[in-house]
């Protein structure tokens, strides 16, 4: 990437919600990258900023990390208007696809919604987050091998939450994950889900990476490379 000394574009970070996803630590880790790539960065701790139509009209990239929170009607309208007008929207994990569960319009724009993450065998669970950490492979799709976000990235392994997502075919899926069926599960065959996707929404671009549960996962070299490329791709 080429560093820029004078910011030429505007990035808005909206963060909050469940602390287990480390919204402050993860977004703070991304600020220097955005600044080095020519963005001035504004950080907000709630979606209230989405109601500022004059400001939102100047935003080129919205990075949201806001898990299990709520959004008011006027806040959502402002976010939708910005994306429809050409602002990029991107993020990772629950901060982007487990944000506003009660908003059908938000879910429609995102193209995917967290529904579940499978857990370890019942006998191995301790009541901690790690109960849901499973080993799996992120598999780059044929479309992903040609896409600038994931081109040159090989399939890679993680041990973290594997997101079971509800989704639709309007997405361009760049990578998938597969949840096996184990003897104690309710489902009876392996199920494959999108893990990384893009979506065109109006004039705006949407980017989602379901890997990114905590800073340690975001710091995985392949995850960070994909997220960084995804944010640049999404930006106006």
C-alpha atoms as a PDB file:
ATOM      1  CA  UNK A   1       0.000   0.000   0.000  1.00  0.00           C
ATOM      2  CA  UNK A   2       1.147   3.566  -0.653  1.00  0.00           C
ATOM      3  CA  UNK A   3       1.128   5.812   2.393  1.00  0.00           C
ATOM      4  CA  UNK A   4      -0.527   9.198   2.077  1.00  0.00           C
ATOM      5  CA  UNK A   5       0.626  12.190   4.100  1.00  0.00           C
ATOM      6  CA  UNK A   6      -2.520  14.279   3.645  1.00  0.00           C
ATOM      7  CA  UNK A   7      -5.894  12.576   4.192  1.00  0.00           C
ATOM      8  CA  UNK A   8      -8.001  12.629   1.054  1.00  0.00           C
ATOM      9  CA  UNK A   9     -10.900  10.451   2.173  1.00  0.00           C
ATOM     10  CA  UNK A  10     -13.042  10.154   5.282  1.00  0.00           C
ATOM     11  CA  UNK A  11     -13.501   6.999   7.381  1.00  0.00           C
ATOM     12  CA  UNK A  12     -16.038   6.677  10.178  1.00  0.00           C
ATOM     13  CA  UNK A  13     -15.635   3.998  12.853  1.00  0.00           C
ATOM     14  CA  UNK A  14     -18.793   3.141  14.802  1.00  0.00           C
ATOM     15  CA  UNK A  15     -18.136   0.739  17.649  1.00  0.00           C
ATOM     16  CA  UNK A  16     -19.739  -0.605  20.785  1.00  0.00           C
ATOM     17  CA  UNK A  17     -21.987  -3.379  21.999  1.00  0.00           C
ATOM     18  CA  UNK A  18     -20.724  -6.562  23.613  1.00  0.00           C
ATOM     19  CA  UNK A  19     -17.230  -6.138  25.081  1.00  0.00           C
ATOM     20  CA  UNK A  20     -16.337  -9.766  24.380  1.00  0.00           C
ATOM     21  CA  UNK A  21     -15.700  -8.812  20.768  1.00  0.00           C
ATOM     22  CA  UNK A  22     -13.190  -6.163  21.858  1.00  0.00           C
ATOM     23  CA  UNK A  23     -14.675  -3.347  19.752  1.00  0.00           C
ATOM     24  CA  UNK A  24     -12.210  -0.743  21.009  1.00  0.00           C
ATOM     25  CA  UNK A  25      -9.057  -2.858  20.715  1.00  0.00           C
ATOM     26  CA  UNK A  26      -9.900  -4.236  17.280  1.00  0.00           C
ATOM     27  CA  UNK A  27     -10.863  -0.914  15.730  1.00  0.00           C
ATOM     28  CA  UNK A  28      -7.931   0.898  17.331  1.00  0.00           C
ATOM     29  CA  UNK A  29      -5.655  -1.633  15.644  1.00  0.00           C
ATOM     30  CA  UNK A  30      -7.077  -0.652  12.247  1.00  0.00           C
ATOM     31  CA  UNK A  31      -6.774   3.138  12.593  1.00  0.00           C
ATOM     32  CA  UNK A  32      -3.074   3.422  11.628  1.00  0.00           C
ATOM     33  CA  UNK A  33      -3.700   1.365   8.496  1.00  0.00           C
ATOM     34  CA  UNK A  34      -6.560   3.639   7.437  1.00  0.00           C
ATOM     35  CA  UNK A  35      -4.534   6.765   8.128  1.00  0.00           C
ATOM     36  CA  UNK A  36      -1.567   5.389   6.169  1.00  0.00           C
ATOM     37  CA  UNK A  37      -3.913   4.866   3.235  1.00  0.00           C
ATOM     38  CA  UNK A  38      -5.160   8.423   3.084  1.00  0.00           C
ATOM     39  CA  UNK A  39      -8.180   8.447   5.392  1.00  0.00           C
ATOM     40  CA  UNK A  40      -9.029  10.908   8.090  1.00  0.00           C
ATOM     41  CA  UNK A  41     -10.627   8.815  10.843  1.00  0.00           C
ATOM     42  CA  UNK A  42     -13.508   9.719  13.138  1.00  0.00           C
ATOM     43  CA  UNK A  43     -14.525   7.355  15.946  1.00  0.00           C
ATOM     44  CA  UNK A  44     -18.011   7.226  17.460  1.00  0.00           C
ATOM     45  CA  UNK A  45     -19.280   5.002  20.273  1.00  0.00           C
ATOM     46  CA  UNK A  46     -22.873   4.711  19.000  1.00  0.00           C
ATOM     47  CA  UNK A  47     -24.829   4.771  15.725  1.00  0.00           C
ATOM     48  CA  UNK A  48     -26.310   8.185  16.605  1.00  0.00           C
ATOM     49  CA  UNK A  49     -23.830   9.772  14.181  1.00  0.00           C
ATOM     50  CA  UNK A  50     -25.735   8.143  11.316  1.00  0.00           C
ATOM     51  CA  UNK A  51     -28.460  10.788  11.740  1.00  0.00           C
ATOM     52  CA  UNK A  52     -26.067  13.602  10.726  1.00  0.00           C
ATOM     53  CA  UNK A  53     -26.935  13.721   7.032  1.00  0.00           C
ATOM     54  CA  UNK A  54     -24.485  16.497   6.179  1.00  0.00           C
ATOM     55  CA  UNK A  55     -21.568  14.630   7.718  1.00  0.00           C
ATOM     56  CA  UNK A  56     -22.608  11.209   6.426  1.00  0.00           C
ATOM     57  CA  UNK A  57     -22.653  12.606   2.914  1.00  0.00           C
ATOM     58  CA  UNK A  58     -18.896  13.189   3.217  1.00  0.00           C
ATOM     59  CA  UNK A  59     -17.997   9.710   4.511  1.00  0.00           C
ATOM     60  CA  UNK A  60     -16.209   7.370   2.112  1.00  0.00           C
ATOM     61  CA  UNK A  61     -15.921   4.349   4.410  1.00  0.00           C
ATOM     62  CA  UNK A  62     -17.944   3.189   7.419  1.00  0.00           C
ATOM     63  CA  UNK A  63     -16.214   0.606   9.598  1.00  0.00           C
ATOM     64  CA  UNK A  64     -18.710  -0.775  12.086  1.00  0.00           C
ATOM     65  CA  UNK A  65     -17.973  -3.005  15.084  1.00  0.00           C
ATOM     66  CA  UNK A  66     -21.167  -2.898  17.140  1.00  0.00           C
ATOM     67  CA  UNK A  67     -22.439  -6.246  18.447  1.00  0.00           C
ATOM     68  CA  UNK A  68     -25.904  -7.120  19.806  1.00  0.00           C
ATOM     69  CA  UNK A  69     -26.985  -3.498  19.953  1.00  0.00           C
ATOM     70  CA  UNK A  70     -30.023  -1.610  18.698  1.00  0.00           C
ATOM     71  CA  UNK A  71     -30.462   1.091  16.099  1.00  0.00           C
ATOM     72  CA  UNK A  72     -33.169   3.753  15.955  1.00  0.00           C
ATOM     73  CA  UNK A  73     -35.195   4.238  12.781  1.00  0.00           C
ATOM     74  CA  UNK A  74     -33.584   7.579  11.959  1.00  0.00           C
ATOM     75  CA  UNK A  75     -30.100   6.146  12.583  1.00  0.00           C
ATOM     76  CA  UNK A  76     -30.738   3.260  10.219  1.00  0.00           C
ATOM     77  CA  UNK A  77     -32.192   5.603   7.610  1.00  0.00           C
ATOM     78  CA  UNK A  78     -29.014   7.670   7.753  1.00  0.00           C
ATOM     79  CA  UNK A  79     -26.791   4.626   7.386  1.00  0.00           C
ATOM     80  CA  UNK A  80     -28.840   3.317   4.476  1.00  0.00           C
ATOM     81  CA  UNK A  81     -28.767   6.682   2.736  1.00  0.00           C
ATOM     82  CA  UNK A  82     -24.993   6.883   3.052  1.00  0.00           C
ATOM     83  CA  UNK A  83     -24.453   3.419   1.569  1.00  0.00           C
ATOM     84  CA  UNK A  84     -27.009   3.916  -1.182  1.00  0.00           C
ATOM     85  CA  UNK A  85     -25.207   7.154  -2.041  1.00  0.00           C
ATOM     86  CA  UNK A  86     -21.838   5.454  -2.396  1.00  0.00           C
ATOM     87  CA  UNK A  87     -20.227   5.141   1.033  1.00  0.00           C
ATOM     88  CA  UNK A  88     -18.558   1.793   1.672  1.00  0.00           C
ATOM     89  CA  UNK A  89     -19.600  -0.288   4.690  1.00  0.00           C
ATOM     90  CA  UNK A  90     -17.382  -2.993   6.123  1.00  0.00           C
ATOM     91  CA  UNK A  91     -16.480  -4.912   9.214  1.00  0.00           C
ATOM     92  CA  UNK A  92     -15.981  -8.268  10.806  1.00  0.00           C
ATOM     93  CA  UNK A  93     -17.756 -10.896  12.856  1.00  0.00           C
ATOM     94  CA  UNK A  94     -20.569  -9.880  15.233  1.00  0.00           C
ATOM     95  CA  UNK A  95     -19.755  -6.203  14.848  1.00  0.00           C
ATOM     96  CA  UNK A  96     -21.241  -6.241  11.359  1.00  0.00           C
ATOM     97  CA  UNK A  97     -23.566  -9.293  11.082  1.00  0.00           C
ATOM     98  CA  UNK A  98     -24.815  -9.520  14.664  1.00  0.00           C
ATOM     99  CA  UNK A  99     -25.408  -5.811  15.141  1.00  0.00           C
ATOM    100  CA  UNK A 100     -29.101  -4.944  14.953  1.00  0.00           C
ATOM    101  CA  UNK A 101     -31.073  -8.178  15.162  1.00  0.00           C
ATOM    102  CA  UNK A 102     -34.456  -6.438  15.223  1.00  0.00           C
ATOM    103  CA  UNK A 103     -33.952  -4.514  11.970  1.00  0.00           C
ATOM    104  CA  UNK A 104     -34.999  -6.392   8.845  1.00  0.00           C
ATOM    105  CA  UNK A 105     -33.831  -3.510   6.646  1.00  0.00           C
ATOM    106  CA  UNK A 106     -30.333  -3.662   8.131  1.00  0.00           C
ATOM    107  CA  UNK A 107     -30.152  -7.423   7.633  1.00  0.00           C
ATOM    108  CA  UNK A 108     -31.339  -6.986   4.045  1.00  0.00           C
ATOM    109  CA  UNK A 109     -28.545  -4.513   3.340  1.00  0.00           C
ATOM    110  CA  UNK A 110     -25.874  -6.710   4.909  1.00  0.00           C
ATOM    111  CA  UNK A 111     -26.863  -9.911   3.117  1.00  0.00           C
ATOM    112  CA  UNK A 112     -26.192 -12.144   6.117  1.00  0.00           C
ATOM    113  CA  UNK A 113     -27.082 -12.550   9.764  1.00  0.00           C
ATOM    114  CA  UNK A 114     -25.410 -14.529  12.538  1.00  0.00           C
ATOM    115  CA  UNK A 115     -27.689 -17.345  13.676  1.00  0.00           C
ATOM    116  CA  UNK A 116     -25.512 -19.734  15.681  1.00  0.00           C
ATOM    117  CA  UNK A 117     -22.053 -20.983  16.498  1.00  0.00           C
ATOM    118  CA  UNK A 118     -21.566 -24.606  17.381  1.00  0.00           C
ATOM    119  CA  UNK A 119     -19.855 -25.608  20.618  1.00  0.00           C
ATOM    120  CA  UNK A 120     -17.452 -28.286  21.730  1.00  0.00           C
ATOM    121  CA  UNK A 121     -18.639 -31.618  23.067  1.00  0.00           C
ATOM    122  CA  UNK A 122     -20.825 -30.967  26.139  1.00  0.00           C
ATOM    123  CA  UNK A 123     -18.331 -32.737  28.397  1.00  0.00           C
ATOM    124  CA  UNK A 124     -15.588 -30.271  27.395  1.00  0.00           C
ATOM    125  CA  UNK A 125     -17.504 -27.045  28.003  1.00  0.00           C
ATOM    126  CA  UNK A 126     -16.506 -24.768  30.887  1.00  0.00           C
ATOM    127  CA  UNK A 127     -18.904 -21.856  30.472  1.00  0.00           C
ATOM    128  CA  UNK A 128     -16.262 -19.646  28.824  1.00  0.00           C
ATOM    129  CA  UNK A 129     -16.164 -18.137  25.334  1.00  0.00           C
ATOM    130  CA  UNK A 130     -13.722 -20.873  24.380  1.00  0.00           C
ATOM    131  CA  UNK A 131     -16.588 -23.392  24.511  1.00  0.00           C
ATOM    132  CA  UNK A 132     -17.396 -22.157  21.000  1.00  0.00           C
ATOM    133  CA  UNK A 133     -13.846 -22.207  19.618  1.00  0.00           C
ATOM    134  CA  UNK A 134     -13.571 -24.930  16.989  1.00  0.00           C
ATOM    135  CA  UNK A 135     -10.873 -25.701  14.397  1.00  0.00           C
ATOM    136  CA  UNK A 136     -11.968 -25.108  10.806  1.00  0.00           C
ATOM    137  CA  UNK A 137     -10.655 -24.130   7.390  1.00  0.00           C
ATOM    138  CA  UNK A 138     -11.523 -20.932   5.563  1.00  0.00           C
ATOM    139  CA  UNK A 139     -11.809 -22.013   1.942  1.00  0.00           C
ATOM    140  CA  UNK A 140     -11.370 -19.451  -0.817  1.00  0.00           C
ATOM    141  CA  UNK A 141     -13.979 -19.845  -3.562  1.00  0.00           C
ATOM    142  CA  UNK A 142     -13.229 -19.717  -7.298  1.00  0.00           C
ATOM    143  CA  UNK A 143     -14.674 -16.185  -7.318  1.00  0.00           C
ATOM    144  CA  UNK A 144     -12.458 -15.332  -4.354  1.00  0.00           C
ATOM    145  CA  UNK A 145      -9.328 -16.505  -6.118  1.00  0.00           C
ATOM    146  CA  UNK A 146      -9.954 -13.874  -8.782  1.00  0.00           C
ATOM    147  CA  UNK A 147     -11.174 -11.061  -6.486  1.00  0.00           C
ATOM    148  CA  UNK A 148      -8.757  -8.319  -5.358  1.00  0.00           C
ATOM    149  CA  UNK A 149      -9.715  -8.857  -1.710  1.00  0.00           C
ATOM    150  CA  UNK A 150      -8.685 -12.523  -1.594  1.00  0.00           C
ATOM    151  CA  UNK A 151      -6.532 -13.010  -4.693  1.00  0.00           C
ATOM    152  CA  UNK A 152      -3.333 -14.848  -3.772  1.00  0.00           C
ATOM    153  CA  UNK A 153      -4.650 -15.998  -0.380  1.00  0.00           C
ATOM    154  CA  UNK A 154      -4.634 -19.765   0.087  1.00  0.00           C
ATOM    155  CA  UNK A 155      -7.110 -21.679   2.233  1.00  0.00           C
ATOM    156  CA  UNK A 156      -6.167 -21.201   5.892  1.00  0.00           C
ATOM    157  CA  UNK A 157      -7.002 -22.694   9.267  1.00  0.00           C
ATOM    158  CA  UNK A 158      -8.418 -20.971  12.348  1.00  0.00           C
ATOM    159  CA  UNK A 159      -9.594 -22.039  15.776  1.00  0.00           C
ATOM    160  CA  UNK A 160     -12.328 -19.640  16.841  1.00  0.00           C
ATOM    161  CA  UNK A 161     -16.085 -19.190  16.464  1.00  0.00           C
ATOM    162  CA  UNK A 162     -17.441 -20.627  13.231  1.00  0.00           C
ATOM    163  CA  UNK A 163     -20.405 -18.466  12.276  1.00  0.00           C
ATOM    164  CA  UNK A 164     -23.565 -20.155  11.034  1.00  0.00           C
ATOM    165  CA  UNK A 165     -25.135 -17.382   8.969  1.00  0.00           C
ATOM    166  CA  UNK A 166     -28.490 -16.891   7.267  1.00  0.00           C
ATOM    167  CA  UNK A 167     -27.815 -15.358   3.882  1.00  0.00           C
ATOM    168  CA  UNK A 168     -28.948 -14.894   0.269  1.00  0.00           C
ATOM    169  CA  UNK A 169     -27.586 -15.300  -3.234  1.00  0.00           C
ATOM    170  CA  UNK A 170     -27.090 -11.587  -3.942  1.00  0.00           C
ATOM    171  CA  UNK A 171     -23.706 -11.765  -2.212  1.00  0.00           C
ATOM    172  CA  UNK A 172     -20.452 -12.436  -4.020  1.00  0.00           C
ATOM    173  CA  UNK A 173     -18.986 -15.120  -1.768  1.00  0.00           C
ATOM    174  CA  UNK A 174     -15.188 -15.012  -1.577  1.00  0.00           C
ATOM    175  CA  UNK A 175     -14.671 -17.704   1.075  1.00  0.00           C
ATOM    176  CA  UNK A 176     -16.698 -20.355   2.868  1.00  0.00           C
ATOM    177  CA  UNK A 177     -16.543 -22.451   6.023  1.00  0.00           C
ATOM    178  CA  UNK A 178     -18.145 -25.826   6.694  1.00  0.00           C
ATOM    179  CA  UNK A 179     -19.795 -26.906   9.945  1.00  0.00           C
ATOM    180  CA  UNK A 180     -19.640 -30.691  10.343  1.00  0.00           C
ATOM    181  CA  UNK A 181     -22.477 -32.709  11.811  1.00  0.00           C
ATOM    182  CA  UNK A 182     -21.362 -34.327  15.054  1.00  0.00           C
ATOM    183  CA  UNK A 183     -23.235 -36.949  17.078  1.00  0.00           C
ATOM    184  CA  UNK A 184     -24.528 -34.395  19.604  1.00  0.00           C
ATOM    185  CA  UNK A 185     -25.682 -31.822  17.026  1.00  0.00           C
ATOM    186  CA  UNK A 186     -29.285 -31.277  15.907  1.00  0.00           C
ATOM    187  CA  UNK A 187     -28.339 -31.159  12.214  1.00  0.00           C
ATOM    188  CA  UNK A 188     -27.527 -34.341  10.311  1.00  0.00           C
ATOM    189  CA  UNK A 189     -25.127 -33.362   7.533  1.00  0.00           C
ATOM    190  CA  UNK A 190     -22.287 -30.863   7.061  1.00  0.00           C
ATOM    191  CA  UNK A 191     -23.421 -27.325   6.206  1.00  0.00           C
ATOM    192  CA  UNK A 192     -21.339 -24.783   4.269  1.00  0.00           C
ATOM    193  CA  UNK A 193     -21.714 -21.053   4.884  1.00  0.00           C
ATOM    194  CA  UNK A 194     -20.264 -17.848   3.452  1.00  0.00           C
ATOM    195  CA  UNK A 195     -17.354 -16.602   5.578  1.00  0.00           C
ATOM    196  CA  UNK A 196     -16.238 -13.609   3.516  1.00  0.00           C
ATOM    197  CA  UNK A 197     -18.465 -11.796   1.048  1.00  0.00           C
ATOM    198  CA  UNK A 198     -19.145  -8.555  -0.759  1.00  0.00           C
ATOM    199  CA  UNK A 199     -22.416  -6.976  -1.762  1.00  0.00           C
ATOM    200  CA  UNK A 200     -23.308  -4.056  -3.989  1.00  0.00           C
ATOM    201  CA  UNK A 201     -26.037  -1.912  -2.389  1.00  0.00           C
ATOM    202  CA  UNK A 202     -27.161   1.077  -4.388  1.00  0.00           C
ATOM    203  CA  UNK A 203     -23.971   2.949  -5.244  1.00  0.00           C
ATOM    204  CA  UNK A 204     -22.198   1.572  -2.167  1.00  0.00           C
ATOM    205  CA  UNK A 205     -20.128  -1.511  -1.531  1.00  0.00           C
ATOM    206  CA  UNK A 206     -20.513  -3.809   1.484  1.00  0.00           C
ATOM    207  CA  UNK A 207     -17.712  -6.041   2.790  1.00  0.00           C
ATOM    208  CA  UNK A 208     -18.099  -8.710   5.501  1.00  0.00           C
ATOM    209  CA  UNK A 209     -15.599 -11.043   7.151  1.00  0.00           C
ATOM    210  CA  UNK A 210     -17.129 -13.415   9.695  1.00  0.00           C
ATOM    211  CA  UNK A 211     -13.675 -14.279  11.140  1.00  0.00           C
ATOM    212  CA  UNK A 212     -12.641 -11.594  13.622  1.00  0.00           C
ATOM    213  CA  UNK A 213     -13.981 -12.657  17.019  1.00  0.00           C
ATOM    214  CA  UNK A 214     -11.187 -10.933  18.967  1.00  0.00           C
ATOM    215  CA  UNK A 215      -7.985  -9.045  18.270  1.00  0.00           C
ATOM    216  CA  UNK A 216      -5.994 -12.286  18.254  1.00  0.00           C
ATOM    217  CA  UNK A 217      -8.067 -13.568  15.311  1.00  0.00           C
ATOM    218  CA  UNK A 218      -7.991 -10.219  13.526  1.00  0.00           C
ATOM    219  CA  UNK A 219      -4.200 -10.336  13.893  1.00  0.00           C
ATOM    220  CA  UNK A 220      -3.991 -13.640  12.008  1.00  0.00           C
ATOM    221  CA  UNK A 221      -1.984 -12.638   8.902  1.00  0.00           C
ATOM    222  CA  UNK A 222      -4.561 -13.854   6.382  1.00  0.00           C
ATOM    223  CA  UNK A 223      -7.533 -12.405   8.273  1.00  0.00           C
ATOM    224  CA  UNK A 224      -5.897  -9.009   8.647  1.00  0.00           C
ATOM    225  CA  UNK A 225      -4.812  -8.925   5.026  1.00  0.00           C
ATOM    226  CA  UNK A 226      -8.333  -9.773   3.847  1.00  0.00           C
ATOM    227  CA  UNK A 227      -9.987  -7.234   6.150  1.00  0.00           C
ATOM    228  CA  UNK A 228      -7.595  -4.478   5.141  1.00  0.00           C
ATOM    229  CA  UNK A 229      -8.089  -5.177   1.458  1.00  0.00           C
ATOM    230  CA  UNK A 230     -11.838  -5.434   2.006  1.00  0.00           C
ATOM    231  CA  UNK A 231     -12.074  -2.029   3.638  1.00  0.00           C
ATOM    232  CA  UNK A 232     -10.085  -0.398   0.848  1.00  0.00           C
ATOM    233  CA  UNK A 233     -12.200  -2.165  -1.769  1.00  0.00           C
ATOM    234  CA  UNK A 234     -15.440  -1.017  -0.113  1.00  0.00           C
ATOM    235  CA  UNK A 235     -14.435   2.631   0.274  1.00  0.00           C
ATOM    236  CA  UNK A 236     -15.877   5.146  -2.135  1.00  0.00           C
END
